C-alpha cells in the first residue's frame, strides 16, 4: 500500500531540519575551539617569561592560531592544511 504524499514531505522536512541542526552544532564547536584556544594563549602569556623555550612554543601557538582563523579556506580547512 502506498503512503500519502504528505508523509513523504514530512520525512524530507525532518531530514532537512536535522541537517541544519547538525550544521549549527558544528558551527558552535568551531567557536568554542577558538574561545578555548584564546584562553590558552592568554594563560601562556602569563608564564612565558618563566619558560626557557617560550619562543618555540609561541611559534607553535601562532601556527595553530593561524590555522583556526584562516579566512581563505573556511571550507575544508583541515584537509587543505594536511595536504600542505
N, C-alpha and C. Protein backbone atom coordinates (compact mmCIF):
# COMPACT_ATOMS: atom_id res chain seq x y z
N UNK A 1 0.85 -1.19 0.00
CA UNK A 1 0.00 0.00 0.00
C UNK A 1 0.88 1.23 0.00
N UNK A 2 0.56 2.19 -0.81
CA UNK A 2 1.35 3.41 -0.94
C UNK A 2 0.93 4.42 0.12
N UNK A 3 1.95 5.06 0.75
CA UNK A 3 1.67 6.07 1.78
C UNK A 3 1.27 7.38 1.13
N UNK A 4 0.54 8.20 1.86
CA UNK A 4 0.17 9.52 1.31
C UNK A 4 1.40 10.38 1.07
N UNK A 5 1.29 11.27 0.13
CA UNK A 5 2.40 12.14 -0.27
C UNK A 5 2.86 13.04 0.87
N UNK A 6 1.95 13.50 1.71
CA UNK A 6 2.34 14.42 2.78
C UNK A 6 3.27 13.76 3.79
N UNK A 7 3.18 12.45 3.96
CA UNK A 7 4.08 11.76 4.88
C UNK A 7 5.51 11.77 4.32
N UNK A 8 5.65 11.64 3.02
CA UNK A 8 6.98 11.74 2.40
C UNK A 8 7.55 13.14 2.59
N UNK A 9 6.71 14.14 2.45
CA UNK A 9 7.16 15.52 2.64
C UNK A 9 7.60 15.77 4.08
N UNK A 10 6.90 15.21 5.01
CA UNK A 10 7.26 15.37 6.42
C UNK A 10 8.60 14.69 6.70
N UNK A 11 8.81 13.51 6.15
CA UNK A 11 10.10 12.82 6.34
C UNK A 11 11.26 13.65 5.77
N UNK A 12 11.06 14.21 4.60
CA UNK A 12 12.11 15.04 3.98
C UNK A 12 12.34 16.29 4.81
N UNK A 13 11.29 16.90 5.29
CA UNK A 13 11.42 18.09 6.13
C UNK A 13 12.17 17.78 7.42
N UNK A 14 11.90 16.65 8.02
CA UNK A 14 12.61 16.23 9.23
C UNK A 14 14.09 16.04 8.94
N UNK A 15 14.42 15.44 7.81
CA UNK A 15 15.84 15.26 7.44
C UNK A 15 16.54 16.60 7.24
N UNK A 16 15.86 17.53 6.59
CA UNK A 16 16.45 18.86 6.36
C UNK A 16 16.68 19.58 7.67
N UNK A 17 15.70 19.56 8.55
CA UNK A 17 15.85 20.21 9.86
C UNK A 17 16.97 19.55 10.65
N UNK A 18 17.09 18.24 10.57
CA UNK A 18 18.17 17.53 11.25
C UNK A 18 19.53 17.97 10.73
N UNK A 19 19.68 18.12 9.42
CA UNK A 19 20.96 18.57 8.84
C UNK A 19 21.30 19.99 9.28
N UNK A 20 20.30 20.87 9.32
CA UNK A 20 20.54 22.24 9.81
C UNK A 20 20.96 22.24 11.27
N UNK A 21 20.37 21.37 12.06
CA UNK A 21 20.73 21.27 13.47
C UNK A 21 22.18 20.82 13.62
N UNK A 22 22.59 19.83 12.84
CA UNK A 22 23.98 19.34 12.89
C UNK A 22 24.94 20.43 12.45
N UNK A 23 24.61 21.17 11.38
CA UNK A 23 25.47 22.26 10.93
C UNK A 23 25.60 23.34 12.00
N UNK A 24 24.53 23.63 12.69
CA UNK A 24 24.56 24.62 13.76
C UNK A 24 25.47 24.16 14.90
N UNK A 25 25.40 22.88 15.25
CA UNK A 25 26.27 22.35 16.30
C UNK A 25 27.74 22.43 15.89
N UNK A 26 28.04 22.13 14.63
CA UNK A 26 29.42 22.21 14.15
C UNK A 26 29.93 23.64 14.19
N UNK A 27 29.08 24.58 13.85
CA UNK A 27 29.47 25.99 13.90
C UNK A 27 29.78 26.41 15.33
N UNK A 28 28.96 25.96 16.27
CA UNK A 28 29.20 26.28 17.68
C UNK A 28 30.48 25.64 18.19
N UNK A 29 30.78 24.43 17.73
CA UNK A 29 32.01 23.75 18.15
C UNK A 29 33.24 24.53 17.70
N UNK A 30 33.19 25.06 16.49
CA UNK A 30 34.33 25.83 15.98
C UNK A 30 34.54 27.08 16.84
N UNK A 31 33.47 27.75 17.21
CA UNK A 31 33.59 28.92 18.07
C UNK A 31 34.13 28.57 19.44
N UNK A 32 33.70 27.45 19.97
CA UNK A 32 34.19 27.02 21.27
C UNK A 32 35.67 26.69 21.22
N UNK A 33 36.12 26.10 20.12
CA UNK A 33 37.54 25.78 19.97
C UNK A 33 38.36 27.06 19.94
N UNK A 34 37.87 28.06 19.21
CA UNK A 34 38.58 29.35 19.15
C UNK A 34 38.62 30.00 20.53
N UNK A 35 37.53 29.94 21.26
CA UNK A 35 37.50 30.53 22.61
C UNK A 35 38.45 29.80 23.55
N UNK A 36 38.45 28.48 23.50
CA UNK A 36 39.35 27.71 24.35
C UNK A 36 40.81 28.02 24.02
N UNK A 37 41.10 28.15 22.73
CA UNK A 37 42.48 28.43 22.34
C UNK A 37 42.88 29.84 22.76
N UNK A 38 41.98 30.78 22.66
CA UNK A 38 42.29 32.15 23.11
C UNK A 38 42.58 32.17 24.60
N UNK A 39 41.84 31.39 25.37
CA UNK A 39 42.08 31.30 26.81
C UNK A 39 43.46 30.69 27.07
N UNK A 40 43.81 29.67 26.32
CA UNK A 40 45.13 29.04 26.45
C UNK A 40 46.24 30.03 26.11
N UNK A 41 46.03 30.80 25.05
CA UNK A 41 47.04 31.78 24.62
C UNK A 41 47.23 32.87 25.69
N UNK A 42 46.15 33.32 26.30
CA UNK A 42 46.26 34.32 27.38
C UNK A 42 46.99 33.74 28.58
N UNK A 43 46.69 32.50 28.92
CA UNK A 43 47.37 31.85 30.05
C UNK A 43 48.86 31.68 29.76
N UNK A 44 49.19 31.37 28.52
CA UNK A 44 50.59 31.21 28.14
C UNK A 44 51.34 32.53 28.28
N UNK A 45 50.70 33.63 27.98
CA UNK A 45 51.38 34.92 28.07
C UNK A 45 51.81 35.23 29.51
N UNK A 46 51.11 34.70 30.49
CA UNK A 46 51.48 34.93 31.89
C UNK A 46 52.73 34.15 32.30
N UNK A 47 52.92 32.95 31.73
CA UNK A 47 54.06 32.11 32.13
C UNK A 47 55.19 32.13 31.11
N UNK A 48 55.06 32.95 30.10
CA UNK A 48 56.05 32.98 29.02
C UNK A 48 57.46 33.31 29.53
N UNK A 49 57.57 34.22 30.47
CA UNK A 49 58.89 34.63 30.95
C UNK A 49 59.57 33.54 31.77
N UNK A 50 58.81 32.61 32.31
CA UNK A 50 59.36 31.54 33.14
C UNK A 50 59.97 30.43 32.28
N UNK A 51 59.39 30.16 31.12
CA UNK A 51 59.80 29.03 30.28
C UNK A 51 61.06 29.35 29.49
N UNK A 52 61.89 28.33 29.30
CA UNK A 52 63.13 28.52 28.56
C UNK A 52 62.92 28.48 27.05
N UNK A 53 62.01 27.66 26.59
CA UNK A 53 61.75 27.52 25.15
C UNK A 53 60.47 28.23 24.73
N UNK A 54 60.24 29.40 25.28
CA UNK A 54 58.98 30.09 25.02
C UNK A 54 58.87 30.55 23.56
N UNK A 55 60.00 30.80 22.90
CA UNK A 55 59.95 31.21 21.50
C UNK A 55 59.40 30.12 20.61
N UNK A 56 59.84 28.88 20.83
CA UNK A 56 59.34 27.75 20.05
C UNK A 56 57.86 27.51 20.32
N UNK A 57 57.49 27.59 21.59
CA UNK A 57 56.09 27.38 21.95
C UNK A 57 55.21 28.47 21.36
N UNK A 58 55.70 29.71 21.38
CA UNK A 58 54.92 30.81 20.81
C UNK A 58 54.75 30.63 19.30
N UNK A 59 55.78 30.10 18.63
CA UNK A 59 55.66 29.83 17.19
C UNK A 59 54.59 28.77 16.93
N UNK A 60 54.54 27.74 17.76
CA UNK A 60 53.51 26.71 17.60
C UNK A 60 52.12 27.28 17.87
N UNK A 61 52.03 28.12 18.89
CA UNK A 61 50.74 28.74 19.21
C UNK A 61 50.29 29.62 18.06
N UNK A 62 51.20 30.37 17.47
CA UNK A 62 50.86 31.23 16.35
C UNK A 62 50.42 30.40 15.14
N UNK A 63 51.07 29.27 14.92
CA UNK A 63 50.69 28.40 13.81
C UNK A 63 49.27 27.86 14.00
N UNK A 64 48.95 27.43 15.20
CA UNK A 64 47.59 26.94 15.48
C UNK A 64 46.58 28.07 15.36
N UNK A 65 46.94 29.25 15.85
CA UNK A 65 46.07 30.42 15.76
C UNK A 65 45.77 30.74 14.29
N UNK A 66 46.79 30.73 13.46
CA UNK A 66 46.60 31.00 12.03
C UNK A 66 45.75 29.92 11.38
N UNK A 67 45.93 28.68 11.81
CA UNK A 67 45.12 27.57 11.29
C UNK A 67 43.65 27.77 11.61
N UNK A 68 43.35 28.17 12.83
CA UNK A 68 41.95 28.33 13.24
C UNK A 68 41.29 29.55 12.62
N UNK A 69 42.07 30.58 12.32
CA UNK A 69 41.50 31.84 11.86
C UNK A 69 41.76 32.12 10.38
N UNK A 70 42.10 31.11 9.60
CA UNK A 70 42.41 31.33 8.18
C UNK A 70 41.12 31.56 7.40
N UNK A 71 40.88 32.79 6.95
CA UNK A 71 39.63 33.07 6.22
C UNK A 71 39.67 32.66 4.76
N UNK A 72 40.84 32.31 4.23
CA UNK A 72 40.92 31.98 2.81
C UNK A 72 40.36 30.61 2.50
N UNK A 73 40.33 29.73 3.48
CA UNK A 73 39.83 28.37 3.25
C UNK A 73 38.87 27.96 4.37
N UNK A 74 37.72 28.63 4.48
CA UNK A 74 36.81 28.26 5.57
C UNK A 74 36.22 26.87 5.39
N UNK A 75 36.06 26.45 4.14
CA UNK A 75 35.55 25.10 3.88
C UNK A 75 36.73 24.19 3.63
N UNK A 76 36.70 23.01 4.18
CA UNK A 76 37.75 22.01 4.01
C UNK A 76 39.11 22.49 4.53
N UNK A 77 39.13 23.33 5.55
CA UNK A 77 40.40 23.90 6.04
C UNK A 77 41.33 22.82 6.58
N UNK A 78 40.78 21.82 7.21
CA UNK A 78 41.62 20.77 7.78
C UNK A 78 42.29 19.98 6.67
N UNK A 79 41.52 19.59 5.67
CA UNK A 79 42.09 18.84 4.54
C UNK A 79 43.12 19.68 3.80
N UNK A 80 42.86 20.96 3.63
CA UNK A 80 43.79 21.84 2.93
C UNK A 80 45.11 21.94 3.70
N UNK A 81 45.03 22.08 5.01
CA UNK A 81 46.24 22.18 5.84
C UNK A 81 47.01 20.87 5.84
N UNK A 82 46.32 19.75 5.83
CA UNK A 82 47.00 18.45 5.85
C UNK A 82 47.74 18.18 4.53
N UNK A 83 47.19 18.69 3.43
CA UNK A 83 47.84 18.49 2.15
C UNK A 83 49.13 19.30 2.04
N UNK A 84 49.24 20.37 2.80
CA UNK A 84 50.42 21.23 2.71
C UNK A 84 51.60 20.70 3.44
